[in-house]
Amino acid sequence: MKQGRKVGSDHLVIYLKRDEAAPHARFGFVVAKTVGGAVKRNLVKRRLRAISRETLLPLDVKADVVVRALPGAAELNWTNLKDEFEADFHSAVKKTVKQ
């Protein structure tokens, strides 16, 4: 998280660090108790896992990605969470290309 690029929005923060030596992208998720109770946190993690799989399949990005959910992420519906994730992810990828 300290070495990569950081892109944030209202409900998510994405940290991305390119690693061309890696065979594929790796994801990690941070969902703190400020997001909600255990049920809400697990719901957010499941959604983010599914969205990250959908986003990565068409792309060949070799990177380490950490997604941190902010308070209010559990209140978003699937479409809004996916749109926010994809916008932040693509923005982070563009920022790392400029390095």
Protein backbone atom coordinates (compact mmCIF):
# COMPACT_ATOMS: atom_id res chain seq x y z
CA MET A 1 0.00 0.00 0.00
CA LYS A 2 2.92 2.35 0.62
CA GLN A 3 4.61 1.80 -2.75
CA GLY A 4 1.66 1.69 -5.11
CA ARG A 5 -0.72 4.24 -6.55
CA LYS A 6 -3.78 5.28 -4.58
CA VAL A 7 -7.14 6.19 -6.09
CA GLY A 8 -10.11 7.03 -3.93
CA SER A 9 -13.78 7.78 -4.30
CA ASP A 10 -16.74 8.19 -1.97
CA HIS A 11 -16.95 4.54 -0.88
CA LEU A 12 -13.71 2.85 -2.02
CA VAL A 13 -9.95 3.38 -1.99
CA ILE A 14 -7.86 1.29 -4.40
CA TYR A 15 -4.11 0.80 -4.04
CA LEU A 16 -2.40 -0.67 -7.11
CA LYS A 17 1.23 -1.67 -7.58
CA ARG A 18 2.30 -3.17 -10.88
CA ASP A 19 4.37 -6.36 -10.73
CA GLU A 20 5.27 -7.61 -14.21
CA ALA A 21 7.09 -10.63 -12.73
CA ALA A 22 3.85 -11.93 -11.20
CA PRO A 23 1.92 -14.56 -13.18
CA HIS A 24 -1.41 -12.78 -12.55
CA ALA A 25 -3.03 -10.05 -10.51
CA ARG A 26 -3.62 -10.48 -6.78
CA PHE A 27 -6.38 -8.82 -4.82
CA GLY A 28 -6.78 -8.07 -1.13
CA PHE A 29 -9.77 -6.52 0.60
CA VAL A 30 -9.96 -4.38 3.73
CA VAL A 31 -13.45 -3.93 5.17
CA ALA A 32 -13.34 -2.36 8.62
CA LYS A 33 -16.03 -2.43 11.29
CA THR A 34 -16.95 1.14 10.36
CA VAL A 35 -18.65 -0.30 7.25
CA GLY A 36 -21.14 -2.22 9.38
CA GLY A 37 -21.71 -5.45 11.24
CA ALA A 38 -20.30 -8.80 10.22
CA VAL A 39 -23.12 -9.54 7.79
CA LYS A 40 -22.69 -6.24 5.95
CA ARG A 41 -18.90 -6.53 5.89
CA ASN A 42 -19.05 -10.02 4.43
CA LEU A 43 -21.60 -8.89 1.85
CA VAL A 44 -19.27 -6.09 0.75
CA LYS A 45 -16.30 -8.51 0.55
CA ARG A 46 -18.28 -11.02 -1.53
CA ARG A 47 -19.43 -8.28 -3.90
CA LEU A 48 -15.93 -6.84 -4.27
CA ARG A 49 -14.48 -10.30 -4.95
CA ALA A 50 -17.03 -10.96 -7.69
CA ILE A 51 -16.56 -7.50 -9.22
CA SER A 52 -12.78 -7.86 -9.22
CA ARG A 53 -13.03 -11.20 -11.04
CA GLU A 54 -15.32 -9.68 -13.67
CA THR A 55 -13.05 -6.67 -14.10
CA LEU A 56 -9.82 -8.65 -14.36
CA LEU A 57 -10.87 -11.38 -16.78
CA PRO A 58 -10.81 -9.20 -19.92
CA LEU A 59 -7.64 -7.38 -18.79
CA ASP A 60 -4.11 -8.68 -18.57
CA VAL A 61 -2.98 -6.56 -15.64
CA LYS A 62 -0.20 -8.00 -13.50
CA ALA A 63 -0.44 -6.10 -10.26
CA ASP A 64 -1.09 -6.27 -6.55
CA VAL A 65 -4.37 -4.57 -5.71
CA VAL A 66 -5.74 -3.68 -2.28
CA VAL A 67 -9.34 -2.48 -2.09
CA ARG A 68 -10.42 -0.67 1.07
CA ALA A 69 -14.14 -0.21 1.61
CA LEU A 70 -15.20 3.00 3.32
CA PRO A 71 -18.31 3.59 5.43
CA GLY A 72 -21.38 3.60 3.21
CA ALA A 73 -20.11 0.89 0.84
CA ALA A 74 -22.60 -1.59 2.30
CA GLU A 75 -25.49 0.74 1.41
CA LEU A 76 -24.64 0.77 -2.31
CA ASN A 77 -26.43 -1.55 -4.67
CA TRP A 78 -24.50 -3.90 -6.96
CA THR A 79 -24.51 -1.61 -10.01
CA ASN A 80 -23.28 1.49 -8.18
CA LEU A 81 -20.56 -0.45 -6.35
CA LYS A 82 -19.41 -2.03 -9.61
CA ASP A 83 -19.36 1.32 -11.45
CA GLU A 84 -17.37 2.97 -8.66
CA PHE A 85 -14.92 0.05 -8.47
CA GLU A 86 -14.34 -0.04 -12.23
CA ALA A 87 -13.84 3.72 -12.47
CA ASP A 88 -11.32 3.71 -9.62
CA PHE A 89 -9.53 0.60 -10.89
CA HIS A 90 -9.13 1.93 -14.43
CA SER A 91 -7.96 5.27 -13.06
CA ALA A 92 -5.34 3.50 -10.93
CA VAL A 93 -4.16 1.45 -13.93
CA LYS A 94 -3.78 4.63 -16.00
CA LYS A 95 -1.79 6.28 -13.21
CA THR A 96 0.63 3.35 -12.99
CA VAL A 97 1.24 3.40 -16.76
CA LYS A 98 2.49 7.01 -16.44
CA GLN A 99 5.26 5.96 -14.03
